[in-house]
Amino acid sequence: MLADKTVILGITGSIAAYKAADLASKLTQAGARVEVVMTKSATRFITPLTFRSLTGRRPVDMFDPDSELGIGHITLAEAADIVVIAPATANIIAKLAAGISDDTLTCTVLATRAPTIIAPAMHDSMFHNPITQDNLTKLKARGFTIVGPEQGRLASGDVGMGRLATTEKIINIISNLLERNGDLASKHIVVTAGGTQEPIDPVRYIGNRASGKMGYALAKAARDRGAEVKLITAPTPLPEPVGIEAIHIRTAAQMKQAVAEAVIGADALIMAAAVADYQPKSTAKAKIKKTSPTLALELVRTPDILTEVTGNFLKVGFAAESHDVITNAREKLEKKHLDLIVANDITDRDSGFGSDTNKVTIIDKQGNIDSLPLLTKREVADKILDRVVELLAKR
């Protein structure tokens, strides 16, 4: 998604400037061409040599007589796929809101047609000052994307809203903006993730070992390909993905209701969640005390969400099996009237619940089988979405 993209990384005079080094490094590792533009005050917090070492490119200065860019800010502005100012001080925000261009960075921003991200970092009182808020409002109205800041400990020792957004969050927003015209642009994708929890009493539940990692990887991959994504997620410790509408549920019944509402107008439903097959027939209102050596629970089936949900959209299911993987997956595909099913062997240590990798087989309703090698879950997600794109193109 970032390979061969030109990212202009503007760095201003904030104590958070050191965090821009991590951002420059991660963007470069992802294959982006990172052109760093530093304000004069930024160089007092971190040196240009740091960024030259991380990106392999010398930070740009339009007043540098040895620059190979000619009129540097114009060349950069035309080459940019996206501009990111991280960290952005109250000063740079004020200048851009007022249309002032008195250095390489402001000149580049005013000359480019590329999307621009502003990631503020400053003291809480400066951020909440009405002047700063008014300037941010003006920039938003002009199409700038504002990321952060976040709550936390500030350089002054105070705690407040002013910390630079995380590298992961900024890169997620960059990817989202760059892929607005991706192969899933204008598509609505619903993804489910995690393992449902069916309550026994107020503190206990029937659950499974699903981590949610596969579903979250699918949601992020769809977002990065331009889709509008709704993520219906059972409890998981994973951080909520940026740029995705997350709907939090706990039980199978709640997931069924959320799915039924989310698929209205959707192009595809990808059911990556591990929905419990059974739930207690009744839930105790008070905690069950340990007074007997045994405890008997009567269980009943949970709703079969994939079978029961209907609509004019693609249905993709998952089959986590411990034996006869392909046979069981095919039966599930036919029974639930799926367009695709993704099967994996949960007894494989590298492919089971909680792992960061997966080895899957994708089967379609025509009987075609595609067995993939061991891949990261993000790579698996993109392979699945490749098939979704193909099927959507045929509809």
Protein backbone atom coordinates (compact mmCIF):
# COMPACT_ATOMS: atom_id res chain seq x y z
CA MET A 1 0.00 0.00 0.00
CA LEU A 2 2.95 2.34 0.69
CA ALA A 3 5.40 0.86 -1.80
CA ASP A 4 6.69 3.47 -4.27
CA LYS A 5 4.58 6.23 -2.72
CA THR A 6 6.19 9.60 -2.08
CA VAL A 7 5.53 10.79 1.46
CA ILE A 8 6.55 14.31 2.44
CA LEU A 9 7.25 14.19 6.18
CA GLY A 10 7.22 17.63 7.74
CA ILE A 11 8.81 17.97 11.16
CA THR A 12 8.42 21.03 13.36
CA GLY A 13 9.97 22.27 16.59
CA SER A 14 8.31 20.08 19.17
CA ILE A 15 9.91 17.87 21.80
CA ALA A 16 7.99 15.09 20.04
CA ALA A 17 10.23 15.54 16.98
CA TYR A 18 12.23 12.49 18.06
CA LYS A 19 9.15 10.33 17.45
CA ALA A 20 9.22 11.35 13.80
CA ALA A 21 12.34 9.24 13.43
CA ASP A 22 10.30 6.10 14.10
CA LEU A 23 7.64 7.25 11.63
CA ALA A 24 10.27 7.92 8.94
CA SER A 25 11.83 4.53 9.56
CA LYS A 26 8.54 2.60 9.42
CA LEU A 27 7.44 4.38 6.24
CA THR A 28 10.78 3.63 4.58
CA GLN A 29 10.61 -0.01 5.63
CA ALA A 30 7.16 -0.20 4.04
CA GLY A 31 8.66 0.87 0.71
CA ALA A 32 7.73 4.55 0.69
CA ARG A 33 10.03 7.24 -0.60
CA VAL A 34 10.22 9.58 2.37
CA GLU A 35 11.22 13.20 1.74
CA VAL A 36 11.83 14.95 5.05
CA VAL A 37 11.28 18.68 5.42
CA MET A 38 12.36 20.18 8.73
CA THR A 39 11.67 23.63 10.09
CA LYS A 40 14.67 25.46 11.53
CA SER A 41 13.42 24.93 15.07
CA ALA A 42 12.97 21.18 14.44
CA THR A 43 16.70 20.85 13.80
CA ARG A 44 17.35 22.00 17.35
CA PHE A 45 15.52 18.95 18.69
CA ILE A 46 16.81 16.32 16.23
CA THR A 47 19.42 16.50 13.49
CA PRO A 48 18.87 16.15 9.74
CA LEU A 49 21.55 13.44 9.74
CA THR A 50 19.19 11.17 11.69
CA PHE A 51 16.62 11.27 8.91
CA ARG A 52 19.20 10.97 6.17
CA SER A 53 20.42 7.78 7.86
CA LEU A 54 16.89 6.38 8.22
CA THR A 55 15.51 7.27 4.78
CA GLY A 56 18.63 7.37 2.64
CA ARG A 57 17.64 10.86 1.50
CA ARG A 58 18.84 14.25 2.63
CA PRO A 59 16.17 16.48 4.24
CA VAL A 60 15.01 19.14 1.81
CA ASP A 61 15.85 22.83 2.11
CA MET A 62 14.75 25.08 -0.75
CA PHE A 63 17.53 27.50 0.15
CA ASP A 64 20.23 24.80 -0.19
CA PRO A 65 22.43 25.80 -3.16
CA ASP A 66 23.51 22.17 -3.58
CA SER A 67 19.97 20.80 -3.78
CA GLU A 68 19.22 18.63 -6.80
CA LEU A 69 15.53 19.50 -6.67
CA GLY A 70 15.69 22.89 -8.36
CA ILE A 71 12.79 24.83 -6.87
CA GLY A 72 12.53 22.39 -4.00
CA HIS A 73 9.09 23.06 -2.62
CA ILE A 74 7.46 23.02 -6.07
CA THR A 75 9.19 19.77 -7.05
CA LEU A 76 8.16 18.18 -3.77
CA ALA A 77 4.61 19.47 -3.99
CA GLU A 78 4.16 17.95 -7.45
CA ALA A 79 5.80 14.63 -6.53
CA ALA A 80 3.93 14.12 -3.28
CA ASP A 81 1.35 11.37 -2.91
CA ILE A 82 0.70 12.59 0.61
CA VAL A 83 2.06 15.18 3.06
CA VAL A 84 2.32 14.44 6.77
CA ILE A 85 3.31 17.01 9.40
CA ALA A 86 4.24 15.09 12.55
CA PRO A 87 4.70 16.64 14.99
CA ALA A 88 2.78 19.81 14.15
CA THR A 89 3.16 22.71 16.58
CA ALA A 90 0.58 25.39 17.28
CA ASN A 91 2.83 27.74 15.30
CA ILE A 92 2.78 25.72 12.07
CA ILE A 93 -0.97 25.17 12.44
CA ALA A 94 -1.51 28.93 12.78
CA LYS A 95 0.64 29.69 9.73
CA LEU A 96 -1.14 27.18 7.52
CA ALA A 97 -4.56 28.39 8.68
CA ALA A 98 -3.53 31.94 7.79
CA GLY A 99 -1.98 30.91 4.46
CA ILE A 100 1.50 32.06 5.48
CA SER A 101 4.37 30.47 3.54
CA ASP A 102 7.75 31.53 4.89
CA ASP A 103 9.75 28.28 4.88
CA THR A 104 10.15 25.10 2.84
CA LEU A 105 7.45 23.20 4.71
CA THR A 106 4.67 25.80 4.50
CA CYS A 107 5.53 26.53 0.86
CA THR A 108 5.33 22.82 0.03
CA VAL A 109 1.98 22.38 1.76
CA LEU A 110 0.45 25.40 0.05
CA ALA A 111 1.74 24.28 -3.36
CA THR A 112 0.64 20.63 -3.24
CA ARG A 113 -2.61 19.02 -4.30
CA ALA A 114 -1.85 15.89 -2.32
CA PRO A 115 -3.84 15.08 0.84
CA THR A 116 -2.26 16.54 3.96
CA ILE A 117 -2.25 15.10 7.45
CA ILE A 118 -1.64 17.26 10.52
CA ALA A 119 -0.60 15.47 13.72
CA PRO A 120 -0.53 18.07 16.52
CA ALA A 121 1.78 17.78 19.51
CA MET A 122 1.85 20.50 22.15
CA HIS A 123 0.91 21.27 25.72
CA ASP A 124 -2.70 20.61 26.64
CA SER A 125 -3.45 24.28 27.31
CA MET A 126 -2.07 25.30 23.90
CA PHE A 127 -4.09 22.64 22.12
CA HIS A 128 -7.33 23.65 23.83
CA ASN A 129 -6.73 27.37 23.36
CA PRO A 130 -9.65 28.75 21.27
CA ILE A 131 -7.20 30.17 18.72
CA THR A 132 -5.63 26.76 18.09
CA GLN A 133 -9.04 25.11 17.92
CA ASP A 134 -10.25 27.75 15.47
CA ASN A 135 -7.18 27.19 13.29
CA LEU A 136 -7.71 23.42 13.29
CA THR A 137 -11.35 23.95 12.34
CA LYS A 138 -10.25 26.07 9.38
CA LEU A 139 -7.78 23.41 8.25
CA LYS A 140 -10.40 20.64 8.52
CA ALA A 141 -12.79 22.74 6.42
CA ARG A 142 -10.08 23.02 3.76
CA GLY A 143 -9.67 19.25 3.58
CA PHE A 144 -6.75 18.66 5.94
CA THR A 145 -6.89 15.48 8.03
CA ILE A 146 -6.18 15.97 11.73
CA VAL A 147 -4.78 13.00 13.67
CA GLY A 148 -4.63 13.26 17.45
CA PRO A 149 -3.32 14.47 19.75
CA GLU A 150 -3.69 11.85 22.47
CA GLN A 151 -4.11 11.94 26.22
CA GLY A 152 -1.04 11.23 28.34
CA ARG A 153 2.00 12.56 30.12
CA LEU A 154 3.42 15.71 28.53
CA ALA A 155 6.97 17.02 28.45
CA SER A 156 6.10 19.52 31.17
CA GLY A 157 5.20 16.70 33.51
CA ASP A 158 1.50 17.50 33.27
CA VAL A 159 -1.05 14.99 32.04
CA GLY A 160 -3.40 16.11 29.31
CA MET A 161 -4.38 16.08 25.65
CA GLY A 162 -1.26 16.90 23.66
CA ARG A 163 0.84 13.79 22.96
CA LEU A 164 1.67 13.01 19.33
CA ALA A 165 -0.50 10.23 17.89
CA THR A 166 1.23 6.85 17.72
CA THR A 167 3.24 5.85 14.67
CA GLU A 168 0.79 3.02 14.01
CA LYS A 169 -2.19 5.36 14.03
CA ILE A 170 -0.52 7.87 11.70
CA ILE A 171 0.51 5.13 9.25
CA ASN A 172 -3.02 3.71 9.31
CA ILE A 173 -4.43 7.11 8.36
CA ILE A 174 -1.80 7.52 5.63
CA SER A 175 -2.71 4.12 4.20
CA ASN A 176 -6.40 4.91 4.37
CA LEU A 177 -6.03 8.18 2.48
CA LEU A 178 -3.71 6.69 -0.15
CA GLU A 179 -6.07 3.80 -0.85
CA ARG A 180 -9.24 5.82 -1.31
CA ASN A 181 -9.13 4.71 -4.94
CA GLY A 182 -8.10 1.12 -4.18
CA ASP A 183 -9.79 -1.96 -5.62
CA LEU A 184 -12.41 -1.92 -2.85
CA ALA A 185 -13.16 1.79 -3.08
CA SER A 186 -16.88 2.55 -2.61
CA LYS A 187 -17.47 -1.01 -1.34
CA HIS A 188 -19.09 -1.75 2.01
CA ILE A 189 -17.53 -4.69 3.82
CA VAL A 190 -18.75 -6.19 7.09
CA VAL A 191 -16.23 -8.25 9.08
CA THR A 192 -16.80 -10.19 12.29
CA ALA A 193 -14.00 -11.04 14.70
CA GLY A 194 -13.18 -12.63 18.05
CA GLY A 195 -14.90 -15.34 20.05
CA THR A 196 -18.38 -14.83 21.50
CA GLN A 197 -18.98 -15.31 25.22
CA GLU A 198 -22.18 -17.02 26.38
CA PRO A 199 -22.87 -16.19 30.06
CA ILE A 200 -23.36 -18.89 32.68
CA ASP A 201 -23.73 -16.40 35.51
CA PRO A 202 -22.58 -12.78 36.03
CA VAL A 203 -18.88 -13.80 36.11
CA ARG A 204 -18.57 -17.01 34.06
CA TYR A 205 -19.16 -17.76 30.41
CA ILE A 206 -18.72 -20.38 27.71
CA GLY A 207 -16.15 -19.20 25.19
CA ASN A 208 -13.31 -20.25 22.94
CA ARG A 209 -9.68 -19.36 22.27
CA ALA A 210 -10.25 -17.04 19.31
CA SER A 211 -7.98 -13.98 19.50
CA GLY A 212 -9.71 -11.83 16.87
CA LYS A 213 -6.41 -11.34 14.99
CA MET A 214 -7.66 -12.73 11.68
CA GLY A 215 -10.82 -10.64 11.70
CA TYR A 216 -8.94 -7.50 12.63
CA ALA A 217 -6.39 -8.15 9.87
CA LEU A 218 -9.22 -8.50 7.36
CA ALA A 219 -10.87 -5.28 8.53
CA LYS A 220 -7.61 -3.33 8.27
CA ALA A 221 -6.76 -4.80 4.87
CA ALA A 222 -10.22 -3.94 3.50
CA ARG A 223 -9.89 -0.40 4.87
CA ASP A 224 -6.48 -0.01 3.28
CA ARG A 225 -7.94 -1.06 -0.08
CA GLY A 226 -10.50 1.73 0.08
CA ALA A 227 -13.53 -0.03 1.54
CA GLU A 228 -15.92 1.34 4.11
CA VAL A 229 -15.63 -1.26 6.86
CA LYS A 230 -17.82 -2.24 9.77
CA LEU A 231 -16.11 -4.51 12.29
CA ILE A 232 -18.42 -6.47 14.58
CA THR A 233 -16.15 -7.69 17.33
CA ALA A 234 -16.50 -9.94 20.33
CA PRO A 235 -14.29 -9.12 23.34
CA THR A 236 -10.58 -9.03 22.48
CA PRO A 237 -7.52 -7.21 23.86
CA LEU A 238 -6.65 -5.92 20.38
CA PRO A 239 -6.68 -2.13 19.94
CA GLU A 240 -9.59 -0.76 17.93
CA PRO A 241 -8.48 -0.15 14.31
CA VAL A 242 -8.30 3.44 13.12
CA GLY A 243 -10.75 4.48 10.40
CA ILE A 244 -13.10 1.55 10.98
CA GLU A 245 -16.52 1.55 12.59
CA ALA A 246 -16.27 -1.00 15.41
CA ILE A 247 -19.43 -2.52 16.87
CA HIS A 248 -18.76 -4.29 20.17
CA ILE A 249 -20.87 -7.30 21.12
CA ARG A 250 -20.48 -10.20 23.53
CA THR A 251 -22.90 -13.01 22.71
CA ALA A 252 -23.93 -14.89 19.58
CA ALA A 253 -27.41 -13.39 19.76
CA GLN A 254 -25.95 -9.89 19.92
CA MET A 255 -23.68 -10.66 16.99
CA LYS A 256 -26.62 -11.96 14.95
CA GLN A 257 -28.52 -8.71 15.54
CA ALA A 258 -25.49 -6.56 14.74
CA VAL A 259 -24.77 -8.49 11.53
CA ALA A 260 -28.40 -8.25 10.38
CA GLU A 261 -28.24 -4.46 10.75
CA ALA A 262 -24.75 -4.03 9.29
CA VAL A 263 -25.28 -6.01 6.08
CA ILE A 264 -28.04 -3.73 4.83
CA GLY A 265 -26.47 -2.28 1.69
CA ALA A 266 -23.24 -4.22 2.17
CA ASP A 267 -21.24 -5.78 -0.65
CA ALA A 268 -19.70 -8.57 1.40
CA LEU A 269 -19.89 -10.23 4.81
CA ILE A 270 -16.71 -11.91 6.01
CA MET A 271 -17.55 -14.02 9.05
CA ALA A 272 -14.16 -14.49 10.74
CA ALA A 273 -15.58 -14.61 14.27
CA ALA A 274 -15.58 -17.85 16.24
CA VAL A 275 -19.20 -17.96 17.34
CA ALA A 276 -19.93 -20.33 20.20
CA ASP A 277 -22.01 -23.29 19.03
CA TYR A 278 -23.86 -23.65 22.34
CA GLN A 279 -25.07 -21.42 25.14
CA PRO A 280 -26.57 -22.17 28.58
CA LYS A 281 -30.32 -22.66 28.37
CA SER A 282 -30.63 -20.24 31.25
CA THR A 283 -28.26 -17.76 32.89
CA ALA A 284 -28.03 -17.53 36.66
CA LYS A 285 -28.77 -14.05 37.94
CA ALA A 286 -26.30 -14.41 40.82
CA LYS A 287 -22.87 -15.98 40.91
CA ILE A 288 -23.12 -19.75 41.24
CA LYS A 289 -21.43 -20.75 44.50
CA LYS A 290 -19.04 -23.71 44.71
CA THR A 291 -21.21 -25.82 46.99
CA SER A 292 -21.31 -29.09 45.06
CA PRO A 293 -18.53 -31.32 43.64
CA THR A 294 -20.27 -31.26 40.24
CA LEU A 295 -22.22 -28.76 38.19
CA ALA A 296 -24.57 -29.69 35.36
CA LEU A 297 -25.37 -27.18 32.62
CA GLU A 298 -28.06 -27.64 30.00
CA LEU A 299 -26.86 -26.19 26.70
CA VAL A 300 -28.82 -25.16 23.63
CA ARG A 301 -27.69 -24.22 20.15
CA THR A 302 -26.77 -20.62 19.41
CA PRO A 303 -28.12 -18.89 16.27
CA ASP A 304 -26.50 -19.97 12.98
CA ILE A 305 -25.69 -16.46 11.80
CA LEU A 306 -24.28 -17.27 8.36
CA THR A 307 -27.17 -19.55 7.47
CA GLU A 308 -29.86 -17.21 8.71
CA VAL A 309 -28.58 -13.87 7.40
CA THR A 310 -29.86 -13.00 3.92
CA GLY A 311 -29.22 -10.32 1.36
CA ASN A 312 -27.60 -9.54 -1.95
CA PHE A 313 -23.98 -9.68 -0.78
CA LEU A 314 -21.05 -12.07 -0.86
CA LYS A 315 -20.81 -14.42 2.10
CA VAL A 316 -17.39 -15.59 3.23
CA GLY A 317 -17.08 -18.06 6.09
CA PHE A 318 -14.29 -19.71 8.05
CA ALA A 319 -13.86 -23.34 9.05
CA ALA A 320 -11.46 -23.97 11.93
CA GLU A 321 -11.15 -27.74 11.93
CA SER A 322 -9.12 -30.35 13.82
CA HIS A 323 -9.61 -33.17 11.28
CA ASP A 324 -10.95 -33.78 7.75
CA VAL A 325 -10.38 -30.07 7.13
CA ILE A 326 -11.29 -29.91 3.44
CA THR A 327 -14.27 -32.27 3.72
CA ASN A 328 -15.76 -30.41 6.65
CA ALA A 329 -15.14 -27.03 5.01
CA ARG A 330 -16.90 -28.08 1.82
CA GLU A 331 -19.91 -29.30 3.77
CA LYS A 332 -20.07 -26.00 5.65
CA LEU A 333 -19.79 -24.00 2.41
CA GLU A 334 -22.74 -25.86 0.87
CA LYS A 335 -24.88 -25.91 4.01
CA LYS A 336 -24.51 -22.19 4.66
CA HIS A 337 -24.72 -21.17 0.95
CA LEU A 338 -21.36 -19.39 1.00
CA ASP A 339 -19.44 -17.88 -1.88
CA LEU A 340 -16.09 -18.66 -0.25
CA ILE A 341 -14.88 -20.55 2.77
CA VAL A 342 -11.47 -20.28 4.41
CA ALA A 343 -10.36 -23.48 6.13
CA ASN A 344 -7.49 -24.03 8.51
CA ASP A 345 -6.19 -26.82 10.73
CA ILE A 346 -6.31 -25.62 14.34
CA THR A 347 -3.97 -28.42 15.43
CA ASP A 348 -1.15 -26.72 13.50
CA ARG A 349 0.77 -24.69 16.10
CA ASP A 350 1.65 -21.97 13.55
CA SER A 351 -1.91 -21.70 12.31
CA GLY A 352 -4.07 -22.03 15.41
CA PHE A 353 -5.84 -19.59 17.69
CA GLY A 354 -3.72 -16.68 18.88
CA SER A 355 -0.90 -17.09 16.35
CA ASP A 356 0.26 -14.24 14.12
CA THR A 357 0.43 -16.57 11.11
CA ASN A 358 -2.05 -18.77 9.33
CA LYS A 359 -1.97 -21.56 6.75
CA VAL A 360 -5.33 -21.73 5.02
CA THR A 361 -7.15 -23.25 2.10
CA ILE A 362 -9.67 -21.12 0.21
CA ILE A 363 -12.55 -22.99 -1.41
CA ASP A 364 -15.24 -21.44 -3.61
CA LYS A 365 -18.70 -22.74 -4.45
CA GLN A 366 -17.48 -23.97 -7.84
CA GLY A 367 -15.21 -26.36 -5.98
CA ASN A 368 -11.92 -24.59 -6.74
CA ILE A 369 -9.31 -25.11 -4.02
CA ASP A 370 -6.41 -22.75 -3.34
CA SER A 371 -4.03 -23.98 -0.62
CA LEU A 372 -1.82 -21.15 0.63
CA PRO A 373 1.57 -21.49 2.34
CA LEU A 374 2.15 -20.25 5.87
CA LEU A 375 1.64 -16.48 5.79
CA THR A 376 1.08 -13.65 8.23
CA LYS A 377 -2.56 -13.02 8.97
CA ARG A 378 -2.37 -9.71 7.11
CA GLU A 379 -1.04 -11.54 4.04
CA VAL A 380 -3.82 -14.11 4.36
CA ALA A 381 -6.33 -11.25 4.63
CA ASP A 382 -5.14 -9.76 1.36
CA LYS A 383 -5.31 -13.15 -0.37
CA ILE A 384 -8.92 -13.53 0.77
CA LEU A 385 -9.76 -10.00 -0.35
CA ASP A 386 -8.18 -10.67 -3.75
CA ARG A 387 -10.82 -13.36 -4.21
CA VAL A 388 -13.55 -11.06 -2.89
CA VAL A 389 -12.55 -8.42 -5.45
CA GLU A 390 -12.69 -11.01 -8.25
CA LEU A 391 -16.15 -12.18 -7.22
CA LEU A 392 -17.50 -8.66 -6.81
CA ALA A 393 -16.31 -7.80 -10.32
CA LYS A 394 -18.43 -10.67 -11.71
CA ARG A 395 -21.63 -9.61 -9.97
